[in-house]
């Protein structure tokens, strides 16, 4: 890059460094909070129990089966 050496070095406009400041930290923190809240809402609605099985509280990996009636 060509520079004009008639001027002092301090008069050249230096490129400003981007710094990770408090504002950027707060933006990232807010983004993580919004993402966490969205995931919690999704998880709540995805794992809520169905209306048909309100009386029985079984773990999600157990499938309830209907037994046939026994003869007398």
PDB file of N, CA and C in Angstrom:
ATOM      1  N   UNK A   1       0.842  -1.159   0.000  1.00  0.00           N
ATOM      2  CA  UNK A   1       0.000   0.000   0.000  1.00  0.00           C
ATOM      3  C   UNK A   1       0.900   1.239   0.000  1.00  0.00           C
ATOM      4  N   UNK A   2       0.541   2.176  -0.831  1.00  0.00           N
ATOM      5  CA  UNK A   2       1.309   3.424  -0.916  1.00  0.00           C
ATOM      6  C   UNK A   2       0.791   4.406   0.119  1.00  0.00           C
ATOM      7  N   UNK A   3       1.705   5.048   0.820  1.00  0.00           N
ATOM      8  CA  UNK A   3       1.342   6.070   1.792  1.00  0.00           C
ATOM      9  C   UNK A   3       2.075   7.349   1.442  1.00  0.00           C
ATOM     10  N   UNK A   4       1.442   8.429   1.764  1.00  0.00           N
ATOM     11  CA  UNK A   4       2.049   9.732   1.527  1.00  0.00           C
ATOM     12  C   UNK A   4       2.899  10.075   2.742  1.00  0.00           C
ATOM     13  N   UNK A   5       4.219  10.153   2.552  1.00  0.00           N
ATOM     14  CA  UNK A   5       5.120  10.354   3.670  1.00  0.00           C
ATOM     15  C   UNK A   5       5.304  11.824   4.029  1.00  0.00           C
ATOM     16  N   UNK A   6       4.510  12.724   3.435  1.00  0.00           N
ATOM     17  CA  UNK A   6       4.571  14.130   3.817  1.00  0.00           C
ATOM     18  C   UNK A   6       3.856  14.358   5.146  1.00  0.00           C
ATOM     19  N   UNK A   7       3.019  13.438   5.534  1.00  0.00           N
ATOM     20  CA  UNK A   7       2.276  13.575   6.779  1.00  0.00           C
ATOM     21  C   UNK A   7       2.903  12.701   7.855  1.00  0.00           C
ATOM     22  N   UNK A   8       2.678  13.092   9.094  1.00  0.00           N
ATOM     23  CA  UNK A   8       3.192  12.302  10.206  1.00  0.00           C
ATOM     24  C   UNK A   8       2.397  11.009  10.320  1.00  0.00           C
ATOM     25  N   UNK A   9       3.031  10.034  10.925  1.00  0.00           N
ATOM     26  CA  UNK A   9       2.377   8.736  11.080  1.00  0.00           C
ATOM     27  C   UNK A   9       1.126   8.839  11.951  1.00  0.00           C
ATOM     28  N   UNK A  10       1.111   9.761  12.890  1.00  0.00           N
ATOM     29  CA  UNK A  10      -0.046   9.891  13.772  1.00  0.00           C
ATOM     30  C   UNK A  10      -1.248  10.476  13.045  1.00  0.00           C
ATOM     31  N   UNK A  11      -1.055  11.090  11.899  1.00  0.00           N
ATOM     32  CA  UNK A  11      -2.169  11.668  11.162  1.00  0.00           C
ATOM     33  C   UNK A  11      -2.875  10.637  10.287  1.00  0.00           C
ATOM     34  N   UNK A  12      -2.242   9.509  10.063  1.00  0.00           N
ATOM     35  CA  UNK A  12      -2.884   8.456   9.290  1.00  0.00           C
ATOM     36  C   UNK A  12      -4.011   7.869  10.132  1.00  0.00           C
ATOM     37  N   UNK A  13      -5.081   7.522   9.490  1.00  0.00           N
ATOM     38  CA  UNK A  13      -6.191   6.941  10.249  1.00  0.00           C
ATOM     39  C   UNK A  13      -5.962   5.447  10.406  1.00  0.00           C
ATOM     40  N   UNK A  14      -5.652   5.006  11.598  1.00  0.00           N
ATOM     41  CA  UNK A  14      -5.435   3.569  11.800  1.00  0.00           C
ATOM     42  C   UNK A  14      -6.759   2.826  11.806  1.00  0.00           C
ATOM     43  N   UNK A  15      -6.696   1.579  11.427  1.00  0.00           N
ATOM     44  CA  UNK A  15      -7.889   0.744  11.448  1.00  0.00           C
ATOM     45  C   UNK A  15      -8.211   0.395  12.897  1.00  0.00           C
ATOM     46  N   UNK A  16      -9.451   0.628  13.293  1.00  0.00           N
ATOM     47  CA  UNK A  16      -9.840   0.357  14.674  1.00  0.00           C
ATOM     48  C   UNK A  16      -9.990  -1.138  14.891  1.00  0.00           C
ATOM     49  N   UNK A  17      -9.532  -1.604  16.028  1.00  0.00           N
ATOM     50  CA  UNK A  17      -9.659  -3.014  16.367  1.00  0.00           C
ATOM     51  C   UNK A  17     -11.051  -3.256  16.925  1.00  0.00           C
ATOM     52  N   UNK A  18     -11.638  -4.360  16.513  1.00  0.00           N
ATOM     53  CA  UNK A  18     -12.925  -4.736  17.081  1.00  0.00           C
ATOM     54  C   UNK A  18     -12.672  -5.457  18.391  1.00  0.00           C
ATOM     55  N   UNK A  19     -13.360  -5.023  19.412  1.00  0.00           N
ATOM     56  CA  UNK A  19     -13.155  -5.618  20.723  1.00  0.00           C
ATOM     57  C   UNK A  19     -14.438  -6.277  21.197  1.00  0.00           C
ATOM     58  N   UNK A  20     -14.260  -7.286  21.966  1.00  0.00           N
ATOM     59  CA  UNK A  20     -15.387  -7.992  22.573  1.00  0.00           C
ATOM     60  C   UNK A  20     -15.727  -7.249  23.852  1.00  0.00           C
ATOM     61  N   UNK A  21     -16.700  -6.362  23.779  1.00  0.00           N
ATOM     62  CA  UNK A  21     -17.030  -5.528  24.912  1.00  0.00           C
ATOM     63  C   UNK A  21     -18.264  -6.003  25.653  1.00  0.00           C
ATOM     64  N   UNK A  22     -18.709  -5.156  26.560  1.00  0.00           N
ATOM     65  CA  UNK A  22     -19.861  -5.466  27.386  1.00  0.00           C
ATOM     66  C   UNK A  22     -21.139  -5.573  26.553  1.00  0.00           C
ATOM     67  N   UNK A  23     -21.283  -4.712  25.553  1.00  0.00           N
ATOM     68  CA  UNK A  23     -22.476  -4.765  24.710  1.00  0.00           C
ATOM     69  C   UNK A  23     -22.592  -6.074  23.958  1.00  0.00           C
ATOM     70  N   UNK A  24     -21.488  -6.546  23.409  1.00  0.00           N
ATOM     71  CA  UNK A  24     -21.496  -7.827  22.687  1.00  0.00           C
ATOM     72  C   UNK A  24     -21.795  -8.980  23.650  1.00  0.00           C
ATOM     73  N   UNK A  25     -21.238  -8.903  24.852  1.00  0.00           N
ATOM     74  CA  UNK A  25     -21.497  -9.943  25.859  1.00  0.00           C
ATOM     75  C   UNK A  25     -22.976  -9.979  26.226  1.00  0.00           C
ATOM     76  N   UNK A  26     -23.602  -8.821  26.400  1.00  0.00           N
ATOM     77  CA  UNK A  26     -25.013  -8.772  26.748  1.00  0.00           C
ATOM     78  C   UNK A  26     -25.882  -9.268  25.600  1.00  0.00           C
ATOM     79  N   UNK A  27     -25.511  -8.986  24.363  1.00  0.00           N
ATOM     80  CA  UNK A  27     -26.270  -9.492  23.214  1.00  0.00           C
ATOM     81  C   UNK A  27     -26.213 -11.004  23.140  1.00  0.00           C
ATOM     82  N   UNK A  28     -25.038 -11.571  23.347  1.00  0.00           N
ATOM     83  CA  UNK A  28     -24.894 -13.033  23.320  1.00  0.00           C
ATOM     84  C   UNK A  28     -25.677 -13.660  24.466  1.00  0.00           C
ATOM     85  N   UNK A  29     -25.627 -13.032  25.640  1.00  0.00           N
ATOM     86  CA  UNK A  29     -26.362 -13.542  26.789  1.00  0.00           C
ATOM     87  C   UNK A  29     -27.871 -13.496  26.536  1.00  0.00           C
ATOM     88  N   UNK A  30     -28.358 -12.420  25.937  1.00  0.00           N
ATOM     89  CA  UNK A  30     -29.784 -12.315  25.620  1.00  0.00           C
ATOM     90  C   UNK A  30     -30.182 -13.349  24.572  1.00  0.00           C
ATOM     91  N   UNK A  31     -29.339 -13.572  23.581  1.00  0.00           N
ATOM     92  CA  UNK A  31     -29.624 -14.577  22.557  1.00  0.00           C
ATOM     93  C   UNK A  31     -29.684 -15.978  23.163  1.00  0.00           C
ATOM     94  N   UNK A  32     -28.788 -16.284  24.083  1.00  0.00           N
ATOM     95  CA  UNK A  32     -28.819 -17.585  24.746  1.00  0.00           C
ATOM     96  C   UNK A  32     -30.063 -17.739  25.614  1.00  0.00           C
ATOM     97  N   UNK A  33     -30.483 -16.662  26.270  1.00  0.00           N
ATOM     98  CA  UNK A  33     -31.694 -16.723  27.099  1.00  0.00           C
ATOM     99  C   UNK A  33     -32.929 -16.965  26.240  1.00  0.00           C
ATOM    100  N   UNK A  34     -33.027 -16.291  25.098  1.00  0.00           N
ATOM    101  CA  UNK A  34     -34.167 -16.483  24.200  1.00  0.00           C
ATOM    102  C   UNK A  34     -34.162 -17.900  23.627  1.00  0.00           C
ATOM    103  N   UNK A  35     -32.992 -18.389  23.252  1.00  0.00           N
ATOM    104  CA  UNK A  35     -32.905 -19.752  22.716  1.00  0.00           C
ATOM    105  C   UNK A  35     -33.266 -20.777  23.782  1.00  0.00           C
ATOM    106  N   UNK A  36     -32.825 -20.579  25.012  1.00  0.00           N
ATOM    107  CA  UNK A  36     -33.159 -21.499  26.092  1.00  0.00           C
ATOM    108  C   UNK A  36     -34.647 -21.498  26.407  1.00  0.00           C
ATOM    109  N   UNK A  37     -35.260 -20.317  26.398  1.00  0.00           N
ATOM    110  CA  UNK A  37     -36.700 -20.238  26.644  1.00  0.00           C
ATOM    111  C   UNK A  37     -37.472 -20.918  25.517  1.00  0.00           C
ATOM    112  N   UNK A  38     -37.052 -20.735  24.288  1.00  0.00           N
ATOM    113  CA  UNK A  38     -37.706 -21.395  23.159  1.00  0.00           C
ATOM    114  C   UNK A  38     -37.592 -22.905  23.248  1.00  0.00           C
ATOM    115  N   UNK A  39     -36.431 -23.389  23.629  1.00  0.00           N
ATOM    116  CA  UNK A  39     -36.250 -24.831  23.772  1.00  0.00           C
ATOM    117  C   UNK A  39     -37.096 -25.377  24.917  1.00  0.00           C
ATOM    118  N   UNK A  40     -37.183 -24.650  26.031  1.00  0.00           N
ATOM    119  CA  UNK A  40     -37.984 -25.100  27.167  1.00  0.00           C
ATOM    120  C   UNK A  40     -39.465 -25.169  26.795  1.00  0.00           C
ATOM    121  N   UNK A  41     -39.959 -24.188  26.046  1.00  0.00           N
ATOM    122  CA  UNK A  41     -41.359 -24.209  25.612  1.00  0.00           C
ATOM    123  C   UNK A  41     -41.602 -25.373  24.661  1.00  0.00           C
ATOM    124  N   UNK A  42     -40.688 -25.588  23.721  1.00  0.00           N
ATOM    125  CA  UNK A  42     -40.815 -26.716  22.795  1.00  0.00           C
ATOM    126  C   UNK A  42     -40.805 -28.041  23.547  1.00  0.00           C
ATOM    127  N   UNK A  43     -39.905 -28.188  24.502  1.00  0.00           N
ATOM    128  CA  UNK A  43     -39.797 -29.424  25.266  1.00  0.00           C
ATOM    129  C   UNK A  43     -41.046 -29.652  26.113  1.00  0.00           C
ATOM    130  N   UNK A  44     -41.599 -28.581  26.658  1.00  0.00           N
ATOM    131  CA  UNK A  44     -42.815 -28.707  27.468  1.00  0.00           C
ATOM    132  C   UNK A  44     -43.978 -29.224  26.630  1.00  0.00           C
ATOM    133  N   UNK A  45     -44.183 -28.656  25.447  1.00  0.00           N
ATOM    134  CA  UNK A  45     -45.297 -29.081  24.616  1.00  0.00           C
ATOM    135  C   UNK A  45     -45.047 -30.431  23.941  1.00  0.00           C
ATOM    136  N   UNK A  46     -43.805 -30.791  23.710  1.00  0.00           N
ATOM    137  CA  UNK A  46     -43.505 -32.070  23.069  1.00  0.00           C
ATOM    138  C   UNK A  46     -43.665 -33.232  24.046  1.00  0.00           C
ATOM    139  N   UNK A  47     -43.426 -33.010  25.330  1.00  0.00           N
ATOM    140  CA  UNK A  47     -43.438 -34.109  26.302  1.00  0.00           C
ATOM    141  C   UNK A  47     -44.617 -34.065  27.261  1.00  0.00           C
ATOM    142  N   UNK A  48     -45.627 -33.271  26.993  1.00  0.00           N
ATOM    143  CA  UNK A  48     -46.773 -33.252  27.908  1.00  0.00           C
ATOM    144  C   UNK A  48     -47.596 -34.519  27.713  1.00  0.00           C
ATOM    145  N   UNK A  49     -48.217 -35.007  28.775  1.00  0.00           N
ATOM    146  CA  UNK A  49     -48.981 -36.257  28.663  1.00  0.00           C
ATOM    147  C   UNK A  49     -50.250 -36.049  27.843  1.00  0.00           C
ATOM    148  N   UNK A  50     -50.684 -37.133  27.197  1.00  0.00           N
ATOM    149  CA  UNK A  50     -51.887 -37.038  26.382  1.00  0.00           C
ATOM    150  C   UNK A  50     -53.119 -36.999  27.275  1.00  0.00           C
ATOM    151  N   UNK A  51     -54.242 -36.572  26.736  1.00  0.00           N
ATOM    152  CA  UNK A  51     -55.473 -36.446  27.506  1.00  0.00           C
ATOM    153  C   UNK A  51     -56.089 -37.808  27.819  1.00  0.00           C
ATOM    154  N   UNK A  52     -55.816 -38.843  27.025  1.00  0.00           N
ATOM    155  CA  UNK A  52     -56.415 -40.163  27.221  1.00  0.00           C
ATOM    156  C   UNK A  52     -55.835 -40.876  28.442  1.00  0.00           C
ATOM    157  N   UNK A  53     -54.597 -40.676  28.757  1.00  0.00           N
ATOM    158  CA  UNK A  53     -53.933 -41.389  29.851  1.00  0.00           C
ATOM    159  C   UNK A  53     -53.753 -40.512  31.081  1.00  0.00           C
ATOM    160  N   UNK A  54     -54.764 -39.791  31.479  1.00  0.00           N
ATOM    161  CA  UNK A  54     -54.624 -38.928  32.646  1.00  0.00           C
ATOM    162  C   UNK A  54     -54.581 -39.731  33.943  1.00  0.00           C
ATOM    163  N   UNK A  55     -55.282 -40.893  34.002  1.00  0.00           N
ATOM    164  CA  UNK A  55     -55.335 -41.677  35.232  1.00  0.00           C
ATOM    165  C   UNK A  55     -54.077 -42.482  35.482  1.00  0.00           C
ATOM    166  N   UNK A  56     -53.413 -42.965  34.456  1.00  0.00           N
ATOM    167  CA  UNK A  56     -52.228 -43.798  34.617  1.00  0.00           C
ATOM    168  C   UNK A  56     -50.983 -42.966  34.382  1.00  0.00           C
ATOM    169  N   UNK A  57     -50.029 -43.127  35.272  1.00  0.00           N
ATOM    170  CA  UNK A  57     -48.764 -42.396  35.149  1.00  0.00           C
ATOM    171  C   UNK A  57     -47.654 -43.418  34.924  1.00  0.00           C
ATOM    172  N   UNK A  58     -47.396 -43.736  33.677  1.00  0.00           N
ATOM    173  CA  UNK A  58     -46.365 -44.700  33.320  1.00  0.00           C
ATOM    174  C   UNK A  58     -45.185 -43.972  32.687  1.00  0.00           C
ATOM    175  N   UNK A  59     -44.000 -44.519  32.820  1.00  0.00           N
ATOM    176  CA  UNK A  59     -42.857 -43.931  32.119  1.00  0.00           C
ATOM    177  C   UNK A  59     -43.064 -43.979  30.610  1.00  0.00           C
ATOM    178  N   UNK A  60     -42.363 -43.127  29.907  1.00  0.00           N
ATOM    179  CA  UNK A  60     -42.578 -43.004  28.469  1.00  0.00           C
ATOM    180  C   UNK A  60     -42.106 -44.230  27.680  1.00  0.00           C
ATOM    181  N   UNK A  61     -41.219 -45.054  28.246  1.00  0.00           N
ATOM    182  CA  UNK A  61     -40.719 -46.216  27.498  1.00  0.00           C
ATOM    183  C   UNK A  61     -41.591 -47.458  27.701  1.00  0.00           C
ATOM    184  N   UNK A  62     -42.664 -47.378  28.499  1.00  0.00           N
ATOM    185  CA  UNK A  62     -43.564 -48.512  28.720  1.00  0.00           C
ATOM    186  C   UNK A  62     -44.847 -48.280  27.929  1.00  0.00           C
ATOM    187  N   UNK A  63     -45.219 -49.280  27.142  1.00  0.00           N
ATOM    188  CA  UNK A  63     -46.439 -49.212  26.342  1.00  0.00           C
ATOM    189  C   UNK A  63     -47.515 -50.012  27.066  1.00  0.00           C
ATOM    190  N   UNK A  64     -48.625 -49.391  27.455  1.00  0.00           N
ATOM    191  CA  UNK A  64     -49.682 -50.163  28.141  1.00  0.00           C
ATOM    192  C   UNK A  64     -50.434 -51.047  27.136  1.00  0.00           C
ATOM    193  N   UNK A  65     -50.596 -52.327  27.506  1.00  0.00           N
ATOM    194  CA  UNK A  65     -51.298 -53.283  26.644  1.00  0.00           C
ATOM    195  C   UNK A  65     -52.601 -53.696  27.298  1.00  0.00           C
ATOM    196  N   UNK A  66     -53.622 -53.956  26.505  1.00  0.00           N
ATOM    197  CA  UNK A  66     -54.899 -54.423  27.006  1.00  0.00           C
ATOM    198  C   UNK A  66     -54.883 -55.936  27.077  1.00  0.00           C
ATOM    199  N   UNK A  67     -55.259 -56.495  28.203  1.00  0.00           N
ATOM    200  CA  UNK A  67     -55.304 -57.939  28.371  1.00  0.00           C
ATOM    201  C   UNK A  67     -56.669 -58.478  27.935  1.00  0.00           C
ATOM    202  N   UNK A  68     -56.702 -59.647  27.317  1.00  0.00           N
ATOM    203  CA  UNK A  68     -58.009 -60.211  26.936  1.00  0.00           C
ATOM    204  C   UNK A  68     -58.746 -60.688  28.193  1.00  0.00           C
ATOM    205  N   UNK A  69     -60.076 -60.749  28.126  1.00  0.00           N
ATOM    206  CA  UNK A  69     -60.807 -61.226  29.317  1.00  0.00           C
ATOM    207  C   UNK A  69     -60.526 -62.697  29.568  1.00  0.00           C
ATOM    208  N   UNK A  70     -60.451 -63.075  30.837  1.00  0.00           N
ATOM    209  CA  UNK A  70     -60.180 -64.474  31.203  1.00  0.00           C
ATOM    210  C   UNK A  70     -61.488 -65.265  31.254  1.00  0.00           C
ATOM    211  N   UNK A  71     -61.458 -66.496  30.730  1.00  0.00           N
ATOM    212  CA  UNK A  71     -62.692 -67.334  30.817  1.00  0.00           C
ATOM    213  C   UNK A  71     -62.921 -67.781  32.252  1.00  0.00           C
ATOM    214  N   UNK A  72     -64.205 -67.992  32.618  1.00  0.00           N
ATOM    215  CA  UNK A  72     -64.546 -68.450  33.961  1.00  0.00           C
ATOM    216  C   UNK A  72     -64.266 -69.895  34.149  1.00  0.00           C
TER     217      UNK A  72
END
